[in-house]
Amino acid sequence: MDYDAELDATGLLCPLPVLRARKRLMALDSGQVLRMLADDPAAIVDVPHFCAEQGHELIASDDDGSTQIYFLRKK
């Protein structure tokens, strides 16, 4: 999947992955896509909740072993 920016939030624990995603999305234009990597087990709940609360679209999520991969489209 194509994306415009990437955030490696591996090694960070809640709430840091979502806080870093929020900051990174602020720098993007509406409609651009952020690819985010995380390994915090809470991110499975936190990232979809963050998108719903902020109006961003969670396009896809997957995992690569212990790392979760999220694609977020900025509102």
C-alpha atoms as a PDB file:
ATOM      1  CA  MET A   1       0.000   0.000   0.000  1.00  0.00           C
ATOM      2  CA  ASP A   2       1.245   3.493  -0.820  1.00  0.00           C
ATOM      3  CA  TYR A   3       1.822   5.957   2.007  1.00  0.00           C
ATOM      4  CA  ASP A   4       3.130   9.492   2.394  1.00  0.00           C
ATOM      5  CA  ALA A   5       4.906   9.260   5.756  1.00  0.00           C
ATOM      6  CA  GLU A   6       6.062   6.626   8.220  1.00  0.00           C
ATOM      7  CA  LEU A   7       6.227   6.523  11.993  1.00  0.00           C
ATOM      8  CA  ASP A   8       8.188   3.848  13.846  1.00  0.00           C
ATOM      9  CA  ALA A   9       6.635   3.715  17.303  1.00  0.00           C
ATOM     10  CA  THR A  10       8.122   0.335  18.220  1.00  0.00           C
ATOM     11  CA  GLY A  11       9.466   0.232  21.744  1.00  0.00           C
ATOM     12  CA  LEU A  12       7.029   2.894  22.932  1.00  0.00           C
ATOM     13  CA  LEU A  13       4.269   2.161  25.425  1.00  0.00           C
ATOM     14  CA  CYS A  14       0.790   3.638  25.748  1.00  0.00           C
ATOM     15  CA  PRO A  15       0.024   6.485  25.221  1.00  0.00           C
ATOM     16  CA  LEU A  16       3.197   7.408  23.318  1.00  0.00           C
ATOM     17  CA  PRO A  17       2.430   5.624  19.992  1.00  0.00           C
ATOM     18  CA  VAL A  18      -0.862   7.500  19.627  1.00  0.00           C
ATOM     19  CA  LEU A  19       0.651  10.806  20.758  1.00  0.00           C
ATOM     20  CA  ARG A  20       3.443  10.451  18.194  1.00  0.00           C
ATOM     21  CA  ALA A  21       0.889   9.535  15.504  1.00  0.00           C
ATOM     22  CA  ARG A  22      -1.137  12.648  16.326  1.00  0.00           C
ATOM     23  CA  LYS A  23       1.944  14.843  16.042  1.00  0.00           C
ATOM     24  CA  ARG A  24       3.042  13.197  12.766  1.00  0.00           C
ATOM     25  CA  LEU A  25      -0.445  13.501  11.248  1.00  0.00           C
ATOM     26  CA  MET A  26      -0.485  17.223  12.041  1.00  0.00           C
ATOM     27  CA  ALA A  27       2.359  17.680   9.546  1.00  0.00           C
ATOM     28  CA  LEU A  28       0.437  15.901   6.764  1.00  0.00           C
ATOM     29  CA  ASP A  29      -2.183  17.293   4.397  1.00  0.00           C
ATOM     30  CA  SER A  30      -5.749  16.056   4.484  1.00  0.00           C
ATOM     31  CA  GLY A  31      -6.040  12.725   2.646  1.00  0.00           C
ATOM     32  CA  GLN A  32      -2.398  11.763   3.059  1.00  0.00           C
ATOM     33  CA  VAL A  33      -1.567   8.368   4.576  1.00  0.00           C
ATOM     34  CA  LEU A  34       0.661   7.593   7.551  1.00  0.00           C
ATOM     35  CA  ARG A  35       2.164   4.117   7.949  1.00  0.00           C
ATOM     36  CA  MET A  36       2.707   3.435  11.624  1.00  0.00           C
ATOM     37  CA  LEU A  37       4.629   0.569  13.238  1.00  0.00           C
ATOM     38  CA  ALA A  38       3.975  -0.315  16.869  1.00  0.00           C
ATOM     39  CA  ASP A  39       4.614  -3.218  19.208  1.00  0.00           C
ATOM     40  CA  ASP A  40       2.658  -2.035  22.248  1.00  0.00           C
ATOM     41  CA  PRO A  41      -0.180  -4.536  22.861  1.00  0.00           C
ATOM     42  CA  ALA A  42      -2.483  -1.634  23.804  1.00  0.00           C
ATOM     43  CA  ALA A  43      -2.076  -0.123  20.313  1.00  0.00           C
ATOM     44  CA  ILE A  44      -4.557  -2.693  18.983  1.00  0.00           C
ATOM     45  CA  VAL A  45      -7.248  -0.820  20.916  1.00  0.00           C
ATOM     46  CA  ASP A  46      -5.694   2.653  21.097  1.00  0.00           C
ATOM     47  CA  VAL A  47      -5.086   3.278  17.383  1.00  0.00           C
ATOM     48  CA  PRO A  48      -8.648   2.536  16.175  1.00  0.00           C
ATOM     49  CA  HIS A  49     -10.043   4.540  19.106  1.00  0.00           C
ATOM     50  CA  PHE A  50      -7.732   7.470  18.297  1.00  0.00           C
ATOM     51  CA  CYS A  51      -8.831   7.447  14.650  1.00  0.00           C
ATOM     52  CA  ALA A  52     -12.518   7.357  15.592  1.00  0.00           C
ATOM     53  CA  GLU A  53     -12.114  10.188  18.100  1.00  0.00           C
ATOM     54  CA  GLN A  54     -10.062  12.426  15.791  1.00  0.00           C
ATOM     55  CA  GLY A  55     -11.919  11.672  12.548  1.00  0.00           C
ATOM     56  CA  HIS A  56      -9.005   9.981  10.800  1.00  0.00           C
ATOM     57  CA  GLU A  57      -9.572   6.820   8.765  1.00  0.00           C
ATOM     58  CA  LEU A  58      -7.883   3.575   9.754  1.00  0.00           C
ATOM     59  CA  ILE A  59      -7.435   2.163   6.257  1.00  0.00           C
ATOM     60  CA  ALA A  60      -5.792  -1.107   7.223  1.00  0.00           C
ATOM     61  CA  SER A  61      -4.011  -2.889  10.027  1.00  0.00           C
ATOM     62  CA  ASP A  62      -1.874  -5.988   9.997  1.00  0.00           C
ATOM     63  CA  ASP A  63       0.863  -7.600  12.028  1.00  0.00           C
ATOM     64  CA  ASP A  64       4.313  -8.792  11.167  1.00  0.00           C
ATOM     65  CA  GLY A  65       5.163 -11.060  14.064  1.00  0.00           C
ATOM     66  CA  SER A  66       5.232  -8.893  17.174  1.00  0.00           C
ATOM     67  CA  THR A  67       4.921  -5.616  15.240  1.00  0.00           C
ATOM     68  CA  GLN A  68       1.585  -4.141  14.254  1.00  0.00           C
ATOM     69  CA  ILE A  69       1.308  -2.101  11.057  1.00  0.00           C
ATOM     70  CA  TYR A  70      -1.350   0.606  10.702  1.00  0.00           C
ATOM     71  CA  PHE A  71      -2.287   2.794   7.760  1.00  0.00           C
ATOM     72  CA  LEU A  72      -4.044   5.995   8.802  1.00  0.00           C
ATOM     73  CA  ARG A  73      -5.539   8.527   6.380  1.00  0.00           C
ATOM     74  CA  LYS A  74      -5.623  12.072   7.753  1.00  0.00           C
ATOM     75  CA  LYS A  75      -9.082  13.655   7.849  1.00  0.00           C
END
